[in-house]
Protein backbone atom coordinates (compact mmCIF):
# COMPACT_ATOMS: atom_id res chain seq x y z
CA MET A 1 7.16 15.27 -0.35
CA ILE A 2 5.37 16.16 -3.55
CA THR A 3 4.59 19.71 -4.50
CA ASP A 4 1.63 19.09 -6.82
CA ASN A 5 -1.42 18.45 -4.67
CA GLY A 6 -3.67 17.51 -7.61
CA ASN A 7 -4.75 13.95 -8.29
CA ALA A 8 -3.41 14.04 -11.86
CA GLY A 9 0.00 15.15 -10.56
CA ARG A 10 0.15 12.41 -7.95
CA ARG A 11 -0.80 9.79 -10.53
CA ALA A 12 1.66 11.13 -13.13
CA ARG A 13 4.49 11.00 -10.61
CA VAL A 14 3.81 7.29 -9.99
CA PHE A 15 3.60 6.48 -13.70
CA ASP A 16 6.81 8.42 -14.42
CA PHE A 17 8.63 6.52 -11.66
CA LEU A 18 7.38 3.17 -12.96
CA ARG A 19 8.35 3.97 -16.57
CA ARG A 20 11.80 5.26 -15.59
CA ASN A 21 12.45 1.99 -13.77
CA GLY A 22 11.14 -0.30 -16.52
CA ILE A 23 8.21 -1.46 -14.44
CA GLU A 24 5.22 -2.68 -16.43
CA TYR A 25 1.68 -2.19 -15.14
CA ASP A 26 -1.92 -1.81 -16.23
CA VAL A 27 -4.14 1.03 -15.10
CA TYR A 28 -7.81 1.88 -15.25
CA CYS A 29 -9.66 4.98 -14.12
CA HIS A 30 -12.89 5.15 -12.15
CA PRO A 31 -14.82 7.58 -9.94
CA GLU A 32 -13.28 8.58 -6.61
CA ALA A 33 -13.00 5.55 -4.32
CA PRO A 34 -11.56 6.44 -0.90
CA THR A 35 -12.67 3.18 0.80
CA ILE A 36 -12.61 -0.51 -0.08
CA GLU A 37 -16.41 -0.59 0.04
CA ILE A 38 -16.69 2.15 -2.60
CA ALA A 39 -13.78 0.89 -4.70
CA ARG A 40 -15.20 -2.63 -4.87
CA GLN A 41 -17.92 -1.52 -7.31
CA TYR A 42 -15.30 -0.38 -9.85
CA TRP A 43 -12.88 -3.29 -9.67
CA ARG A 44 -12.27 -5.33 -12.76
CA ARG A 45 -12.17 -9.10 -12.71
CA ASP A 46 -8.53 -9.32 -13.69
CA GLY A 47 -7.27 -11.88 -11.15
CA SER A 48 -5.35 -9.32 -9.11
CA LYS A 49 -5.58 -9.10 -5.33
CA HIS A 50 -6.80 -5.74 -4.10
CA CYS A 51 -4.98 -4.59 -1.01
CA LYS A 52 -5.75 -2.62 2.10
CA ASN A 53 -2.99 -0.17 3.07
CA LEU A 54 -2.71 1.30 6.56
CA PHE A 55 -0.16 3.84 7.78
CA PHE A 56 1.01 3.62 11.41
CA ARG A 57 3.49 5.26 13.75
CA ASN A 58 5.11 3.90 16.86
CA HIS A 59 4.38 5.26 20.33
CA LYS A 60 7.29 7.74 20.23
CA GLY A 61 6.36 8.92 16.74
CA ASN A 62 9.87 8.39 15.40
CA ARG A 63 9.12 5.28 13.29
CA HIS A 64 6.47 4.86 10.61
CA TYR A 65 5.08 1.74 9.01
CA LEU A 66 2.97 1.03 5.97
CA VAL A 67 1.08 -2.24 6.39
CA VAL A 68 -0.38 -3.93 3.31
CA PHE A 69 -2.74 -6.90 3.37
CA ASP A 70 -5.65 -8.57 1.60
CA CYS A 71 -8.59 -6.16 1.43
CA GLU A 72 -10.97 -8.99 2.32
CA ARG A 73 -9.33 -9.34 5.72
CA SER A 74 -9.52 -7.21 8.83
CA LEU A 75 -6.72 -6.63 11.26
CA ALA A 76 -6.98 -5.63 14.91
CA ILE A 77 -4.31 -3.14 15.95
CA HIS A 78 -3.48 -5.20 19.07
CA ASP A 79 -2.82 -8.26 16.86
CA LEU A 80 -0.72 -6.12 14.55
CA GLU A 81 1.38 -4.85 17.47
CA HIS A 82 1.99 -8.46 18.49
CA ARG A 83 2.99 -9.52 14.96
CA LEU A 84 5.24 -6.56 14.14
CA HIS A 85 7.10 -6.38 17.46
CA GLN A 86 7.36 -2.59 17.17
CA GLY A 87 5.67 -1.67 20.45
CA LYS A 88 2.45 0.28 20.74
CA LEU A 89 1.13 1.50 17.38
CA SER A 90 -1.40 4.10 16.39
CA PHE A 91 -2.64 5.41 13.07
CA ALA A 92 -0.38 8.16 11.77
CA SER A 93 -1.95 11.60 11.41
CA GLU A 94 -2.83 13.17 8.07
CA GLN A 95 0.13 15.52 8.55
CA ARG A 96 2.53 12.59 8.95
CA MET A 97 0.96 10.86 5.96
CA GLU A 98 1.54 13.97 3.85
CA ARG A 99 5.08 14.43 5.20
CA TYR A 100 6.34 10.88 4.68
CA LEU A 101 4.19 9.55 1.83
CA GLY A 102 2.95 12.71 0.13
CA LEU A 103 -0.57 11.30 0.43
CA ARG A 104 -3.95 11.96 1.93
CA PRO A 105 -6.34 9.45 3.51
CA GLY A 106 -8.21 7.37 0.96
CA SER A 107 -5.28 7.09 -1.44
CA VAL A 108 -2.63 5.31 0.61
CA SER A 109 -0.60 2.67 -1.20
CA PRO A 110 2.98 1.42 -1.49
CA PHE A 111 3.38 3.86 -4.39
CA GLY A 112 3.51 6.62 -1.76
CA LEU A 113 7.01 5.40 -0.95
CA ILE A 114 8.30 7.25 -4.02
CA ASN A 115 7.75 10.42 -1.96
CA ASP A 116 9.80 9.13 1.00
CA ALA A 117 13.20 10.38 -0.17
CA GLU A 118 14.89 9.40 3.10
CA ASN A 119 13.37 5.90 3.10
CA HIS A 120 11.99 6.52 6.57
CA VAL A 121 8.88 4.33 6.24
CA HIS A 122 9.22 0.56 6.69
CA LEU A 123 6.83 -1.58 4.66
CA PHE A 124 5.21 -4.70 6.09
CA LEU A 125 3.33 -6.90 3.61
CA ASP A 126 1.23 -9.89 4.52
CA ARG A 127 2.95 -13.01 3.26
CA THR A 128 -0.31 -14.39 1.81
CA LEU A 129 -0.17 -11.66 -0.87
CA LEU A 130 2.59 -13.68 -2.53
CA ARG A 131 -0.06 -16.27 -3.50
CA TYR A 132 -1.56 -13.95 -6.11
CA PRO A 133 -0.16 -13.36 -9.61
CA SER A 134 -0.74 -9.60 -9.38
CA LEU A 135 -1.72 -6.91 -6.89
CA SER A 136 -3.88 -3.79 -7.21
CA PHE A 137 -3.27 -0.39 -5.61
CA HIS A 138 -4.29 3.22 -6.11
CA PRO A 139 -1.52 5.20 -7.85
CA ASN A 140 -1.50 7.77 -5.00
CA ASP A 141 -4.86 8.94 -6.31
CA ASN A 142 -8.12 7.16 -5.58
CA THR A 143 -9.61 7.76 -9.03
CA ALA A 144 -7.50 5.03 -10.65
CA THR A 145 -6.24 1.51 -9.97
CA VAL A 146 -2.88 0.06 -10.97
CA VAL A 147 -2.56 -3.68 -11.53
CA ILE A 148 1.03 -4.88 -11.17
CA SER A 149 2.49 -8.39 -11.39
CA GLN A 150 4.44 -9.82 -8.47
CA GLN A 151 7.65 -9.64 -10.52
CA MET A 152 7.12 -5.98 -11.39
CA PHE A 153 6.08 -5.15 -7.82
CA ALA A 154 9.33 -6.71 -6.55
CA ARG A 155 11.20 -4.55 -9.05
CA TYR A 156 9.30 -1.50 -7.77
CA LEU A 157 10.20 -2.28 -4.15
CA ASP A 158 13.88 -2.61 -5.06
CA ALA A 159 13.79 0.65 -7.04
CA VAL A 160 12.07 2.69 -4.35
CA GLY A 161 14.63 1.65 -1.73
CA ASN A 162 12.55 1.47 1.46
CA SER A 163 13.05 -1.45 3.79
CA TYR A 164 10.30 -4.03 3.54
CA GLU A 165 9.41 -7.54 4.56
CA TYR A 166 6.72 -10.09 3.92
CA ILE A 167 5.48 -11.47 7.23
CA PRO A 168 2.52 -13.56 8.36
CA LEU A 169 -0.11 -11.12 9.58
CA TYR A 170 -2.56 -13.94 10.26
CA ASP A 171 -2.30 -17.45 11.61
CA GLU A 172 -2.03 -19.89 8.73
CA ALA A 173 -5.14 -21.68 10.00
CA ASP A 174 -7.04 -18.39 9.62
CA CYS A 175 -5.88 -18.12 6.00
CA ALA A 176 -6.69 -21.72 5.09
CA GLY A 177 -10.42 -20.98 5.15
CA GLY A 178 -12.29 -19.14 2.45
CA ASN A 179 -11.49 -15.70 3.90
CA GLY A 180 -7.99 -15.10 2.72
């Protein structure tokens, strides 16, 4: 868990981790954007896929999952339970988010995994994200956006050490249309 609760500290911690691990990225700053709807007005047309990031816990509360998918898509929790095969899921509390990811709502991203020293959180990524040359996430602070190539994101995932997998979160027929 991080000790600096300020946005600049959260962001700096991400950038330090990326630099230490030789991970290249681009970043741009913007006004606070805690939701996709707000963030959309600040996005640059850089070809990256912006992602939605949701943090869940299992019914017992002893397993936690970060689920990442195309921000243009929606995902019903019942469908997610069926796809992940982890039993009944619910959104993790703010306290759990702070404990495992060092984050607050509105700034959740895979970069929060740098704060999960015990690699407790399992990461599920929608397989369709692999279609895009780069991905965009908040750097644990919703006043900036990091654009990272697929190659560099793979390097990040290896460096952070959490378990992860790309899985189909939607039926392929659903993704073949213009919505994903």
